[in-house]
Amino acid sequence: MSARVVKRSLSIAGHRTSVSLEEPFWAELRALAAVRGLSLAGLVGEIDSGRGEANLSSAIRVHVLQALREAASR
């Protein structure tokens, strides 16, 4: 899996935005969304609503990292 940055456009809360993440983060984000029965945009919308002042791409990376840490600790 490539670590190159991939930019994707999503609609979140009724507005279009672009997010740049490395492909492994996109893959894990899609997997997390599927487990929760959400669309990718739906999960990103949840992350967006709780990120405060953080950059959206950074908030997504932190969310993925936290989810992986929680899964590893089980």
PDB file of N, CA and C in Angstrom:
ATOM      1  N   MET A   1       0.852  -1.182   0.000  1.00  0.00           N
ATOM      2  CA  MET A   1       0.000   0.000   0.000  1.00  0.00           C
ATOM      3  C   MET A   1       0.893   1.239   0.000  1.00  0.00           C
ATOM      4  N   SER A   2       0.591   2.148  -0.869  1.00  0.00           N
ATOM      5  CA  SER A   2       1.384   3.356  -1.029  1.00  0.00           C
ATOM      6  C   SER A   2       1.122   4.350   0.095  1.00  0.00           C
ATOM      7  N   ALA A   3       2.163   5.078   0.466  1.00  0.00           N
ATOM      8  CA  ALA A   3       2.020   6.120   1.478  1.00  0.00           C
ATOM      9  C   ALA A   3       1.841   7.490   0.827  1.00  0.00           C
ATOM     10  N   ARG A   4       1.567   7.504  -0.478  1.00  0.00           N
ATOM     11  CA  ARG A   4       1.382   8.792  -1.140  1.00  0.00           C
ATOM     12  C   ARG A   4       0.081   9.437  -0.678  1.00  0.00           C
ATOM     13  N   VAL A   5       0.060  10.746  -0.712  1.00  0.00           N
ATOM     14  CA  VAL A   5      -1.116  11.499  -0.289  1.00  0.00           C
ATOM     15  C   VAL A   5      -2.130  11.514  -1.425  1.00  0.00           C
ATOM     16  N   VAL A   6      -3.377  11.217  -1.070  1.00  0.00           N
ATOM     17  CA  VAL A   6      -4.471  11.199  -2.030  1.00  0.00           C
ATOM     18  C   VAL A   6      -5.505  12.227  -1.581  1.00  0.00           C
ATOM     19  N   LYS A   7      -5.893  13.102  -2.483  1.00  0.00           N
ATOM     20  CA  LYS A   7      -6.892  14.128  -2.182  1.00  0.00           C
ATOM     21  C   LYS A   7      -8.247  13.654  -2.692  1.00  0.00           C
ATOM     22  N   ARG A   8      -9.260  13.697  -1.815  1.00  0.00           N
ATOM     23  CA  ARG A   8     -10.612  13.297  -2.200  1.00  0.00           C
ATOM     24  C   ARG A   8     -11.584  14.396  -1.800  1.00  0.00           C
ATOM     25  N   SER A   9     -12.649  14.542  -2.587  1.00  0.00           N
ATOM     26  CA  SER A   9     -13.708  15.504  -2.281  1.00  0.00           C
ATOM     27  C   SER A   9     -14.880  14.772  -1.657  1.00  0.00           C
ATOM     28  N   LEU A  10     -15.454  15.369  -0.624  1.00  0.00           N
ATOM     29  CA  LEU A  10     -16.597  14.803   0.085  1.00  0.00           C
ATOM     30  C   LEU A  10     -17.613  15.900   0.347  1.00  0.00           C
ATOM     31  N   SER A  11     -18.876  15.498   0.512  1.00  0.00           N
ATOM     32  CA  SER A  11     -19.904  16.427   0.976  1.00  0.00           C
ATOM     33  C   SER A  11     -20.130  16.159   2.453  1.00  0.00           C
ATOM     34  N   ILE A  12     -19.911  17.177   3.263  1.00  0.00           N
ATOM     35  CA  ILE A  12     -20.074  17.065   4.706  1.00  0.00           C
ATOM     36  C   ILE A  12     -20.998  18.181   5.166  1.00  0.00           C
ATOM     37  N   ALA A  13     -22.075  17.783   5.825  1.00  0.00           N
ATOM     38  CA  ALA A  13     -23.049  18.752   6.347  1.00  0.00           C
ATOM     39  C   ALA A  13     -23.498  19.727   5.253  1.00  0.00           C
ATOM     40  N   GLY A  14     -23.685  19.200   4.050  1.00  0.00           N
ATOM     41  CA  GLY A  14     -24.212  20.014   2.968  1.00  0.00           C
ATOM     42  C   GLY A  14     -23.203  20.854   2.216  1.00  0.00           C
ATOM     43  N   HIS A  15     -21.933  20.749   2.562  1.00  0.00           N
ATOM     44  CA  HIS A  15     -20.941  21.504   1.787  1.00  0.00           C
ATOM     45  C   HIS A  15     -19.817  20.584   1.326  1.00  0.00           C
ATOM     46  N   ARG A  16     -19.237  20.916   0.173  1.00  0.00           N
ATOM     47  CA  ARG A  16     -18.146  20.125  -0.391  1.00  0.00           C
ATOM     48  C   ARG A  16     -16.834  20.551   0.253  1.00  0.00           C
ATOM     49  N   THR A  17     -16.002  19.579   0.515  1.00  0.00           N
ATOM     50  CA  THR A  17     -14.670  19.858   1.031  1.00  0.00           C
ATOM     51  C   THR A  17     -13.712  18.820   0.472  1.00  0.00           C
ATOM     52  N   SER A  18     -12.457  19.150   0.442  1.00  0.00           N
ATOM     53  CA  SER A  18     -11.424  18.227  -0.006  1.00  0.00           C
ATOM     54  C   SER A  18     -10.560  17.855   1.181  1.00  0.00           C
ATOM     55  N   VAL A  19     -10.194  16.584   1.233  1.00  0.00           N
ATOM     56  CA  VAL A  19      -9.359  16.082   2.317  1.00  0.00           C
ATOM     57  C   VAL A  19      -8.186  15.339   1.700  1.00  0.00           C
ATOM     58  N   SER A  20      -6.988  15.619   2.183  1.00  0.00           N
ATOM     59  CA  SER A  20      -5.777  14.945   1.720  1.00  0.00           C
ATOM     60  C   SER A  20      -5.264  14.038   2.829  1.00  0.00           C
ATOM     61  N   LEU A  21      -5.185  12.743   2.521  1.00  0.00           N
ATOM     62  CA  LEU A  21      -4.676  11.745   3.457  1.00  0.00           C
ATOM     63  C   LEU A  21      -3.836  10.731   2.698  1.00  0.00           C
ATOM     64  N   GLU A  22      -2.937  10.080   3.400  1.00  0.00           N
ATOM     65  CA  GLU A  22      -2.195   8.972   2.826  1.00  0.00           C
ATOM     66  C   GLU A  22      -3.155   7.815   2.592  1.00  0.00           C
ATOM     67  N   GLU A  23      -2.901   7.015   1.556  1.00  0.00           N
ATOM     68  CA  GLU A  23      -3.801   5.919   1.192  1.00  0.00           C
ATOM     69  C   GLU A  23      -4.083   4.957   2.353  1.00  0.00           C
ATOM     70  N   PRO A  24      -3.100   4.601   3.203  1.00  0.00           N
ATOM     71  CA  PRO A  24      -3.433   3.711   4.323  1.00  0.00           C
ATOM     72  C   PRO A  24      -4.489   4.299   5.266  1.00  0.00           C
ATOM     73  N   PHE A  25      -4.493   5.608   5.445  1.00  0.00           N
ATOM     74  CA  PHE A  25      -5.518   6.237   6.278  1.00  0.00           C
ATOM     75  C   PHE A  25      -6.884   6.172   5.597  1.00  0.00           C
ATOM     76  N   TRP A  26      -6.927   6.383   4.279  1.00  0.00           N
ATOM     77  CA  TRP A  26      -8.199   6.254   3.552  1.00  0.00           C
ATOM     78  C   TRP A  26      -8.745   4.835   3.690  1.00  0.00           C
ATOM     79  N   ALA A  27      -7.866   3.853   3.541  1.00  0.00           N
ATOM     80  CA  ALA A  27      -8.308   2.453   3.622  1.00  0.00           C
ATOM     81  C   ALA A  27      -8.870   2.134   5.006  1.00  0.00           C
ATOM     82  N   GLU A  28      -8.179   2.557   6.047  1.00  0.00           N
ATOM     83  CA  GLU A  28      -8.651   2.278   7.405  1.00  0.00           C
ATOM     84  C   GLU A  28      -9.922   3.063   7.714  1.00  0.00           C
ATOM     85  N   LEU A  29     -10.013   4.279   7.215  1.00  0.00           N
ATOM     86  CA  LEU A  29     -11.217   5.084   7.424  1.00  0.00           C
ATOM     87  C   LEU A  29     -12.429   4.428   6.771  1.00  0.00           C
ATOM     88  N   ARG A  30     -12.248   3.900   5.554  1.00  0.00           N
ATOM     89  CA  ARG A  30     -13.341   3.179   4.891  1.00  0.00           C
ATOM     90  C   ARG A  30     -13.752   1.952   5.702  1.00  0.00           C
ATOM     91  N   ALA A  31     -12.775   1.231   6.244  1.00  0.00           N
ATOM     92  CA  ALA A  31     -13.078   0.046   7.053  1.00  0.00           C
ATOM     93  C   ALA A  31     -13.828   0.426   8.321  1.00  0.00           C
ATOM     94  N   LEU A  32     -13.412   1.497   8.978  1.00  0.00           N
ATOM     95  CA  LEU A  32     -14.100   1.950  10.187  1.00  0.00           C
ATOM     96  C   LEU A  32     -15.539   2.362   9.875  1.00  0.00           C
ATOM     97  N   ALA A  33     -15.728   3.056   8.773  1.00  0.00           N
ATOM     98  CA  ALA A  33     -17.074   3.474   8.374  1.00  0.00           C
ATOM     99  C   ALA A  33     -17.951   2.250   8.115  1.00  0.00           C
ATOM    100  N   ALA A  34     -17.408   1.251   7.427  1.00  0.00           N
ATOM    101  CA  ALA A  34     -18.173   0.040   7.112  1.00  0.00           C
ATOM    102  C   ALA A  34     -18.592  -0.701   8.379  1.00  0.00           C
ATOM    103  N   VAL A  35     -17.684  -0.823   9.332  1.00  0.00           N
ATOM    104  CA  VAL A  35     -17.995  -1.505  10.599  1.00  0.00           C
ATOM    105  C   VAL A  35     -19.141  -0.802  11.321  1.00  0.00           C
ATOM    106  N   ARG A  36     -19.184   0.502  11.235  1.00  0.00           N
ATOM    107  CA  ARG A  36     -20.223   1.287  11.909  1.00  0.00           C
ATOM    108  C   ARG A  36     -21.474   1.472  11.060  1.00  0.00           C
ATOM    109  N   GLY A  37     -21.463   0.953   9.841  1.00  0.00           N
ATOM    110  CA  GLY A  37     -22.614   1.089   8.967  1.00  0.00           C
ATOM    111  C   GLY A  37     -22.817   2.505   8.457  1.00  0.00           C
ATOM    112  N   LEU A  38     -21.725   3.225   8.315  1.00  0.00           N
ATOM    113  CA  LEU A  38     -21.773   4.613   7.855  1.00  0.00           C
ATOM    114  C   LEU A  38     -21.117   4.722   6.486  1.00  0.00           C
ATOM    115  N   SER A  39     -21.495   5.743   5.766  1.00  0.00           N
ATOM    116  CA  SER A  39     -20.754   6.082   4.556  1.00  0.00           C
ATOM    117  C   SER A  39     -19.450   6.751   4.989  1.00  0.00           C
ATOM    118  N   LEU A  40     -18.514   6.828   4.071  1.00  0.00           N
ATOM    119  CA  LEU A  40     -17.261   7.522   4.360  1.00  0.00           C
ATOM    120  C   LEU A  40     -17.546   8.973   4.739  1.00  0.00           C
ATOM    121  N   ALA A  41     -18.420   9.621   3.975  1.00  0.00           N
ATOM    122  CA  ALA A  41     -18.774  11.016   4.275  1.00  0.00           C
ATOM    123  C   ALA A  41     -19.461  11.137   5.629  1.00  0.00           C
ATOM    124  N   GLY A  42     -20.264  10.138   5.993  1.00  0.00           N
ATOM    125  CA  GLY A  42     -20.935  10.174   7.291  1.00  0.00           C
ATOM    126  C   GLY A  42     -19.952  10.123   8.443  1.00  0.00           C
ATOM    127  N   LEU A  43     -18.955   9.240   8.346  1.00  0.00           N
ATOM    128  CA  LEU A  43     -17.946   9.153   9.406  1.00  0.00           C
ATOM    129  C   LEU A  43     -17.097  10.416   9.445  1.00  0.00           C
ATOM    130  N   VAL A  44     -16.692  10.910   8.291  1.00  0.00           N
ATOM    131  CA  VAL A  44     -15.907  12.147   8.255  1.00  0.00           C
ATOM    132  C   VAL A  44     -16.727  13.304   8.828  1.00  0.00           C
ATOM    133  N   GLY A  45     -18.038  13.311   8.581  1.00  0.00           N
ATOM    134  CA  GLY A  45     -18.899  14.342   9.155  1.00  0.00           C
ATOM    135  C   GLY A  45     -18.902  14.296  10.670  1.00  0.00           C
ATOM    136  N   GLU A  46     -18.925  13.090  11.238  1.00  0.00           N
ATOM    137  CA  GLU A  46     -18.867  12.952  12.702  1.00  0.00           C
ATOM    138  C   GLU A  46     -17.537  13.471  13.242  1.00  0.00           C
ATOM    139  N   ILE A  47     -16.464  13.098  12.569  1.00  0.00           N
ATOM    140  CA  ILE A  47     -15.140  13.562  12.988  1.00  0.00           C
ATOM    141  C   ILE A  47     -15.068  15.081  12.883  1.00  0.00           C
ATOM    142  N   ASP A  48     -15.592  15.621  11.790  1.00  0.00           N
ATOM    143  CA  ASP A  48     -15.590  17.067  11.555  1.00  0.00           C
ATOM    144  C   ASP A  48     -16.336  17.807  12.658  1.00  0.00           C
ATOM    145  N   SER A  49     -17.473  17.267  13.066  1.00  0.00           N
ATOM    146  CA  SER A  49     -18.289  17.976  14.073  1.00  0.00           C
ATOM    147  C   SER A  49     -17.633  17.996  15.448  1.00  0.00           C
ATOM    148  N   GLY A  50     -16.697  17.088  15.708  1.00  0.00           N
ATOM    149  CA  GLY A  50     -16.064  17.046  17.015  1.00  0.00           C
ATOM    150  C   GLY A  50     -14.617  17.477  17.037  1.00  0.00           C
ATOM    151  N   ARG A  51     -14.137  18.053  15.957  1.00  0.00           N
ATOM    152  CA  ARG A  51     -12.699  18.336  15.865  1.00  0.00           C
ATOM    153  C   ARG A  51     -12.260  19.655  16.471  1.00  0.00           C
ATOM    154  N   GLY A  52     -13.173  20.532  16.771  1.00  0.00           N
ATOM    155  CA  GLY A  52     -12.782  21.835  17.314  1.00  0.00           C
ATOM    156  C   GLY A  52     -11.975  22.624  16.307  1.00  0.00           C
ATOM    157  N   GLU A  53     -10.813  23.111  16.738  1.00  0.00           N
ATOM    158  CA  GLU A  53      -9.959  23.944  15.885  1.00  0.00           C
ATOM    159  C   GLU A  53      -8.964  23.127  15.066  1.00  0.00           C
ATOM    160  N   ALA A  54      -8.938  21.827  15.250  1.00  0.00           N
ATOM    161  CA  ALA A  54      -7.961  20.978  14.553  1.00  0.00           C
ATOM    162  C   ALA A  54      -8.231  20.948  13.048  1.00  0.00           C
ATOM    163  N   ASN A  55      -7.184  20.797  12.297  1.00  0.00           N
ATOM    164  CA  ASN A  55      -7.266  20.587  10.853  1.00  0.00           C
ATOM    165  C   ASN A  55      -8.020  19.285  10.611  1.00  0.00           C
ATOM    166  N   LEU A  56      -8.914  19.242   9.623  1.00  0.00           N
ATOM    167  CA  LEU A  56      -9.725  18.050   9.379  1.00  0.00           C
ATOM    168  C   LEU A  56      -8.874  16.832   9.055  1.00  0.00           C
ATOM    169  N   SER A  57      -7.878  16.968   8.204  1.00  0.00           N
ATOM    170  CA  SER A  57      -7.024  15.827   7.877  1.00  0.00           C
ATOM    171  C   SER A  57      -6.325  15.294   9.129  1.00  0.00           C
ATOM    172  N   SER A  58      -5.845  16.181   9.968  1.00  0.00           N
ATOM    173  CA  SER A  58      -5.197  15.761  11.207  1.00  0.00           C
ATOM    174  C   SER A  58      -6.189  15.083  12.141  1.00  0.00           C
ATOM    175  N   ALA A  59      -7.388  15.624  12.238  1.00  0.00           N
ATOM    176  CA  ALA A  59      -8.410  15.030  13.099  1.00  0.00           C
ATOM    177  C   ALA A  59      -8.764  13.620  12.629  1.00  0.00           C
ATOM    178  N   ILE A  60      -8.807  13.421  11.320  1.00  0.00           N
ATOM    179  CA  ILE A  60      -9.090  12.090  10.779  1.00  0.00           C
ATOM    180  C   ILE A  60      -7.968  11.127  11.131  1.00  0.00           C
ATOM    181  N   ARG A  61      -6.730  11.553  10.955  1.00  0.00           N
ATOM    182  CA  ARG A  61      -5.597  10.682  11.286  1.00  0.00           C
ATOM    183  C   ARG A  61      -5.627  10.287  12.764  1.00  0.00           C
ATOM    184  N   VAL A  62      -5.888  11.243  13.635  1.00  0.00           N
ATOM    185  CA  VAL A  62      -5.956  10.959  15.073  1.00  0.00           C
ATOM    186  C   VAL A  62      -7.107   9.997  15.367  1.00  0.00           C
ATOM    187  N   HIS A  63      -8.247  10.189  14.721  1.00  0.00           N
ATOM    188  CA  HIS A  63      -9.393   9.299  14.914  1.00  0.00           C
ATOM    189  C   HIS A  63      -9.037   7.865  14.519  1.00  0.00           C
ATOM    190  N   VAL A  64      -8.398   7.711  13.376  1.00  0.00           N
ATOM    191  CA  VAL A  64      -7.987   6.381  12.910  1.00  0.00           C
ATOM    192  C   VAL A  64      -6.992   5.762  13.893  1.00  0.00           C
ATOM    193  N   LEU A  65      -6.022   6.543  14.337  1.00  0.00           N
ATOM    194  CA  LEU A  65      -5.035   6.041  15.291  1.00  0.00           C
ATOM    195  C   LEU A  65      -5.698   5.588  16.586  1.00  0.00           C
ATOM    196  N   GLN A  66      -6.620   6.401  17.111  1.00  0.00           N
ATOM    197  CA  GLN A  66      -7.323   6.031  18.346  1.00  0.00           C
ATOM    198  C   GLN A  66      -8.132   4.751  18.163  1.00  0.00           C
ATOM    199  N   ALA A  67      -8.804   4.612  17.032  1.00  0.00           N
ATOM    200  CA  ALA A  67      -9.585   3.416  16.771  1.00  0.00           C
ATOM    201  C   ALA A  67      -8.691   2.173  16.709  1.00  0.00           C
ATOM    202  N   LEU A  68      -7.540   2.292  16.075  1.00  0.00           N
ATOM    203  CA  LEU A  68      -6.606   1.168  15.997  1.00  0.00           C
ATOM    204  C   LEU A  68      -6.037   0.816  17.365  1.00  0.00           C
ATOM    205  N   ARG A  69      -5.737   1.838  18.167  1.00  0.00           N
ATOM    206  CA  ARG A  69      -5.235   1.581  19.528  1.00  0.00           C
ATOM    207  C   ARG A  69      -6.287   0.890  20.377  1.00  0.00           C
ATOM    208  N   GLU A  70      -7.539   1.339  20.266  1.00  0.00           N
ATOM    209  CA  GLU A  70      -8.620   0.691  21.020  1.00  0.00           C
ATOM    210  C   GLU A  70      -8.785  -0.750  20.602  1.00  0.00           C
ATOM    211  N   ALA A  71      -8.728  -1.014  19.310  1.00  0.00           N
ATOM    212  CA  ALA A  71      -8.873  -2.381  18.805  1.00  0.00           C
ATOM    213  C   ALA A  71      -7.707  -3.251  19.279  1.00  0.00           C
ATOM    214  N   ALA A  72      -6.507  -2.705  19.308  1.00  0.00           N
ATOM    215  CA  ALA A  72      -5.333  -3.472  19.736  1.00  0.00           C
ATOM    216  C   ALA A  72      -5.376  -3.787  21.223  1.00  0.00           C
ATOM    217  N   SER A  73      -6.008  -2.920  22.004  1.00  0.00           N
ATOM    218  CA  SER A  73      -6.050  -3.142  23.456  1.00  0.00           C
ATOM    219  C   SER A  73      -7.131  -4.151  23.862  1.00  0.00           C
ATOM    220  N   ARG A  74      -8.032  -4.497  22.948  1.00  0.00           N
ATOM    221  CA  ARG A  74      -9.086  -5.482  23.264  1.00  0.00           C
ATOM    222  C   ARG A  74      -8.572  -6.874  23.216  1.00  0.00           C
TER     223      ARG A  74
END
